[in-house]
Amino acid sequence: DVVLPTSGVYGGWAVVDEQRYQAAIHIGPNHTFEQAGAAKVEVHLLDFEGDLYDQRLLVDFVFRVRDIARFDSASDLIEQLKMDVAAVPIGLASGQV
């Protein structure tokens, strides 16, 4: 009943309460902090402030940013996440919508 794209980081859109936001989306396990963790879907809404717990999101995957990776430290992961988030508006503006 559910089909997910392959593991990786994606750029796209998320809709909550009829408002659309640019989104950075991660699908897959968290290799940096877990050896054999379960796959997860994590959605980071750009320019959103508020609480999304117990909210229903509609998520559209538009383009792939990169494969998942294991990082040597939390600070290395944070630096990569900043680059991933910065790539989302660029990818969406490039006509990949």
N, C-alpha and C. Protein backbone atom coordinates (compact mmCIF):
# COMPACT_ATOMS: atom_id res chain seq x y z
N ASP A 1 0.80 -1.20 0.00
CA ASP A 1 0.00 0.00 0.00
C ASP A 1 0.84 1.27 0.00
N VAL A 2 2.12 1.16 0.42
CA VAL A 2 2.98 2.34 0.49
C VAL A 2 4.23 2.07 -0.34
N VAL A 3 4.58 3.01 -1.18
CA VAL A 3 5.80 2.91 -1.97
C VAL A 3 6.67 4.10 -1.63
N LEU A 4 7.91 3.82 -1.20
CA LEU A 4 8.86 4.88 -0.86
C LEU A 4 10.00 4.89 -1.86
N PRO A 5 10.54 6.06 -2.15
CA PRO A 5 11.74 6.11 -2.97
C PRO A 5 12.89 5.41 -2.24
N THR A 6 13.94 5.09 -2.95
CA THR A 6 15.10 4.45 -2.35
C THR A 6 15.74 5.36 -1.30
N SER A 7 16.50 4.78 -0.40
CA SER A 7 17.15 5.55 0.66
C SER A 7 17.96 6.70 0.08
N GLY A 8 17.91 7.84 0.74
CA GLY A 8 18.66 9.01 0.30
C GLY A 8 18.07 10.28 0.87
N VAL A 9 18.62 11.39 0.40
CA VAL A 9 18.15 12.72 0.80
C VAL A 9 17.52 13.35 -0.43
N TYR A 10 16.36 13.94 -0.26
CA TYR A 10 15.58 14.50 -1.35
C TYR A 10 15.17 15.94 -1.05
N GLY A 11 14.86 16.66 -2.09
CA GLY A 11 14.25 17.97 -1.97
C GLY A 11 12.84 17.87 -2.49
N GLY A 12 11.93 18.63 -1.88
CA GLY A 12 10.56 18.57 -2.34
C GLY A 12 9.69 19.57 -1.61
N TRP A 13 8.42 19.24 -1.54
CA TRP A 13 7.43 20.11 -0.91
C TRP A 13 6.69 19.33 0.16
N ALA A 14 6.27 20.03 1.21
CA ALA A 14 5.42 19.46 2.25
C ALA A 14 4.25 20.41 2.46
N VAL A 15 3.08 19.84 2.58
CA VAL A 15 1.88 20.64 2.82
C VAL A 15 1.33 20.28 4.19
N VAL A 16 1.12 21.30 5.00
CA VAL A 16 0.50 21.14 6.31
C VAL A 16 -0.50 22.28 6.48
N ASP A 17 -1.70 21.94 6.90
CA ASP A 17 -2.77 22.94 7.07
C ASP A 17 -2.94 23.80 5.83
N GLU A 18 -2.91 23.16 4.66
CA GLU A 18 -3.12 23.82 3.36
C GLU A 18 -2.04 24.84 3.01
N GLN A 19 -0.92 24.83 3.72
CA GLN A 19 0.22 25.72 3.43
C GLN A 19 1.37 24.86 2.91
N ARG A 20 2.00 25.29 1.82
CA ARG A 20 3.09 24.53 1.20
C ARG A 20 4.44 25.11 1.60
N TYR A 21 5.37 24.21 1.97
CA TYR A 21 6.72 24.59 2.38
C TYR A 21 7.75 23.77 1.61
N GLN A 22 8.88 24.40 1.32
CA GLN A 22 10.00 23.64 0.78
C GLN A 22 10.46 22.67 1.85
N ALA A 23 10.92 21.47 1.44
CA ALA A 23 11.27 20.46 2.42
C ALA A 23 12.53 19.70 2.01
N ALA A 24 13.36 19.41 3.01
CA ALA A 24 14.48 18.47 2.87
C ALA A 24 14.01 17.17 3.50
N ILE A 25 14.14 16.07 2.77
CA ILE A 25 13.56 14.80 3.18
C ILE A 25 14.65 13.73 3.23
N HIS A 26 14.72 13.00 4.33
CA HIS A 26 15.67 11.89 4.46
C HIS A 26 14.89 10.59 4.59
N ILE A 27 15.27 9.61 3.78
CA ILE A 27 14.68 8.28 3.88
C ILE A 27 15.80 7.29 4.10
N GLY A 28 15.68 6.47 5.14
CA GLY A 28 16.66 5.43 5.38
C GLY A 28 17.07 5.38 6.82
N PRO A 29 18.00 4.48 7.14
CA PRO A 29 18.49 4.37 8.51
C PRO A 29 19.42 5.52 8.84
N ASN A 30 19.66 5.71 10.12
CA ASN A 30 20.56 6.76 10.59
C ASN A 30 21.90 6.11 10.94
N HIS A 31 22.76 5.92 9.94
CA HIS A 31 24.02 5.20 10.12
C HIS A 31 24.99 5.89 11.07
N THR A 32 24.89 7.19 11.24
CA THR A 32 25.84 7.90 12.10
C THR A 32 25.63 7.54 13.57
N PHE A 33 24.40 7.31 13.97
CA PHE A 33 24.11 7.07 15.38
C PHE A 33 23.64 5.65 15.69
N GLU A 34 23.28 4.87 14.68
CA GLU A 34 22.78 3.51 14.89
C GLU A 34 23.49 2.56 13.94
N GLN A 35 23.93 1.41 14.43
CA GLN A 35 24.58 0.42 13.59
C GLN A 35 23.60 -0.20 12.59
N ALA A 36 22.45 -0.65 13.09
CA ALA A 36 21.49 -1.35 12.23
C ALA A 36 20.08 -0.86 12.52
N GLY A 37 19.90 0.42 12.51
CA GLY A 37 18.59 0.98 12.81
C GLY A 37 17.60 0.79 11.68
N ALA A 38 16.34 0.93 12.01
CA ALA A 38 15.27 0.81 11.02
C ALA A 38 15.25 2.04 10.12
N ALA A 39 14.74 1.87 8.92
CA ALA A 39 14.60 2.99 8.00
C ALA A 39 13.55 3.96 8.54
N LYS A 40 13.79 5.24 8.33
CA LYS A 40 12.89 6.29 8.80
C LYS A 40 12.64 7.27 7.66
N VAL A 41 11.58 7.99 7.77
CA VAL A 41 11.31 9.12 6.88
C VAL A 41 11.30 10.36 7.75
N GLU A 42 12.23 11.28 7.49
CA GLU A 42 12.32 12.52 8.25
C GLU A 42 12.13 13.68 7.29
N VAL A 43 11.26 14.60 7.63
CA VAL A 43 10.95 15.73 6.76
C VAL A 43 11.23 17.02 7.52
N HIS A 44 12.11 17.84 6.95
CA HIS A 44 12.46 19.14 7.55
C HIS A 44 11.84 20.23 6.68
N LEU A 45 10.89 20.98 7.23
CA LEU A 45 10.24 22.05 6.50
C LEU A 45 11.06 23.33 6.63
N LEU A 46 11.42 23.91 5.50
CA LEU A 46 12.17 25.16 5.50
C LEU A 46 11.20 26.30 5.79
N ASP A 47 11.64 27.28 6.54
CA ASP A 47 10.83 28.46 6.86
C ASP A 47 9.54 28.13 7.58
N PHE A 48 9.56 27.09 8.40
CA PHE A 48 8.39 26.74 9.20
C PHE A 48 8.74 26.89 10.67
N GLU A 49 7.84 27.48 11.41
CA GLU A 49 7.97 27.55 12.86
C GLU A 49 6.69 27.00 13.46
N GLY A 50 6.84 26.11 14.41
CA GLY A 50 5.66 25.55 15.05
C GLY A 50 5.88 24.09 15.39
N ASP A 51 4.83 23.45 15.81
CA ASP A 51 4.85 22.07 16.25
C ASP A 51 4.14 21.20 15.21
N LEU A 52 4.83 20.19 14.72
CA LEU A 52 4.23 19.31 13.71
C LEU A 52 3.81 17.95 14.28
N TYR A 53 4.02 17.74 15.57
CA TYR A 53 3.61 16.46 16.15
C TYR A 53 2.11 16.28 16.01
N ASP A 54 1.72 15.08 15.62
CA ASP A 54 0.33 14.70 15.41
C ASP A 54 -0.32 15.45 14.25
N GLN A 55 0.47 16.07 13.40
CA GLN A 55 -0.05 16.74 12.20
C GLN A 55 0.11 15.81 11.00
N ARG A 56 -0.79 15.86 10.08
CA ARG A 56 -0.71 15.08 8.84
C ARG A 56 -0.01 15.94 7.79
N LEU A 57 1.00 15.36 7.15
CA LEU A 57 1.74 16.05 6.09
C LEU A 57 1.52 15.35 4.76
N LEU A 58 1.44 16.12 3.71
CA LEU A 58 1.49 15.60 2.35
C LEU A 58 2.87 15.97 1.83
N VAL A 59 3.65 14.98 1.42
CA VAL A 59 5.03 15.22 1.00
C VAL A 59 5.20 14.83 -0.45
N ASP A 60 5.72 15.76 -1.26
CA ASP A 60 6.02 15.51 -2.68
C ASP A 60 7.53 15.50 -2.86
N PHE A 61 8.06 14.39 -3.35
CA PHE A 61 9.48 14.27 -3.65
C PHE A 61 9.72 14.82 -5.04
N VAL A 62 10.64 15.79 -5.18
CA VAL A 62 10.88 16.43 -6.47
C VAL A 62 12.22 16.01 -7.06
N PHE A 63 13.27 16.01 -6.26
CA PHE A 63 14.58 15.64 -6.79
C PHE A 63 15.44 15.01 -5.69
N ARG A 64 16.42 14.25 -6.12
CA ARG A 64 17.33 13.57 -5.19
C ARG A 64 18.55 14.45 -4.96
N VAL A 65 18.89 14.69 -3.70
CA VAL A 65 20.05 15.49 -3.33
C VAL A 65 21.30 14.62 -3.28
N ARG A 66 21.21 13.47 -2.57
CA ARG A 66 22.38 12.59 -2.43
C ARG A 66 21.97 11.26 -1.81
N ASP A 67 22.92 10.31 -1.83
CA ASP A 67 22.75 9.03 -1.13
C ASP A 67 22.91 9.25 0.36
N ILE A 68 22.46 8.29 1.16
CA ILE A 68 22.71 8.36 2.59
C ILE A 68 24.17 8.01 2.85
N ALA A 69 24.70 8.44 3.98
CA ALA A 69 26.10 8.21 4.31
C ALA A 69 26.26 8.12 5.82
N ARG A 70 27.35 7.51 6.22
CA ARG A 70 27.72 7.48 7.64
C ARG A 70 28.77 8.56 7.86
N PHE A 71 28.60 9.36 8.91
CA PHE A 71 29.54 10.43 9.21
C PHE A 71 30.33 10.08 10.45
N ASP A 72 31.57 10.54 10.51
CA ASP A 72 32.45 10.22 11.63
C ASP A 72 32.06 10.92 12.93
N SER A 73 31.33 12.01 12.82
CA SER A 73 30.94 12.75 14.02
C SER A 73 29.63 13.47 13.78
N ALA A 74 29.01 13.86 14.87
CA ALA A 74 27.77 14.64 14.78
C ALA A 74 28.03 15.97 14.08
N SER A 75 29.19 16.58 14.32
CA SER A 75 29.48 17.87 13.68
C SER A 75 29.64 17.71 12.16
N ASP A 76 30.21 16.60 11.70
CA ASP A 76 30.29 16.34 10.26
C ASP A 76 28.90 16.18 9.66
N LEU A 77 28.03 15.48 10.38
CA LEU A 77 26.65 15.32 9.92
C LEU A 77 25.94 16.66 9.85
N ILE A 78 26.11 17.49 10.85
CA ILE A 78 25.47 18.81 10.87
C ILE A 78 25.91 19.66 9.68
N GLU A 79 27.19 19.63 9.37
CA GLU A 79 27.70 20.40 8.22
C GLU A 79 27.06 19.90 6.92
N GLN A 80 26.93 18.58 6.76
CA GLN A 80 26.30 18.03 5.56
C GLN A 80 24.82 18.40 5.50
N LEU A 81 24.14 18.37 6.65
CA LEU A 81 22.73 18.74 6.67
C LEU A 81 22.52 20.19 6.25
N LYS A 82 23.43 21.06 6.64
CA LYS A 82 23.34 22.47 6.21
C LYS A 82 23.45 22.56 4.69
N MET A 83 24.35 21.78 4.10
CA MET A 83 24.48 21.79 2.63
C MET A 83 23.25 21.19 1.97
N ASP A 84 22.69 20.13 2.56
CA ASP A 84 21.47 19.52 2.01
C ASP A 84 20.31 20.52 2.01
N VAL A 85 20.13 21.20 3.14
CA VAL A 85 19.04 22.18 3.25
C VAL A 85 19.25 23.33 2.26
N ALA A 86 20.49 23.77 2.08
CA ALA A 86 20.78 24.84 1.12
C ALA A 86 20.50 24.40 -0.31
N ALA A 87 20.62 23.12 -0.61
CA ALA A 87 20.40 22.61 -1.97
C ALA A 87 18.92 22.58 -2.35
N VAL A 88 18.03 22.54 -1.38
CA VAL A 88 16.60 22.39 -1.68
C VAL A 88 16.05 23.58 -2.47
N PRO A 89 16.19 24.83 -2.01
CA PRO A 89 15.64 25.95 -2.79
C PRO A 89 16.27 26.05 -4.18
N ILE A 90 17.55 25.74 -4.29
CA ILE A 90 18.24 25.80 -5.59
C ILE A 90 17.65 24.77 -6.53
N GLY A 91 17.48 23.53 -6.06
CA GLY A 91 16.91 22.48 -6.89
C GLY A 91 15.48 22.76 -7.29
N LEU A 92 14.69 23.27 -6.36
CA LEU A 92 13.29 23.57 -6.68
C LEU A 92 13.18 24.74 -7.64
N ALA A 93 14.07 25.72 -7.53
CA ALA A 93 14.03 26.89 -8.42
C ALA A 93 14.56 26.57 -9.81
N SER A 94 15.29 25.47 -9.95
CA SER A 94 15.91 25.16 -11.25
C SER A 94 14.94 24.56 -12.24
N GLY A 95 13.68 24.50 -11.86
CA GLY A 95 12.69 23.97 -12.79
C GLY A 95 12.43 22.50 -12.63
N GLN A 96 12.91 21.89 -11.57
CA GLN A 96 12.68 20.48 -11.34
C GLN A 96 11.34 20.24 -10.67
N VAL A 97 10.52 21.27 -10.54
CA VAL A 97 9.24 21.15 -9.85
C VAL A 97 8.23 20.46 -10.73
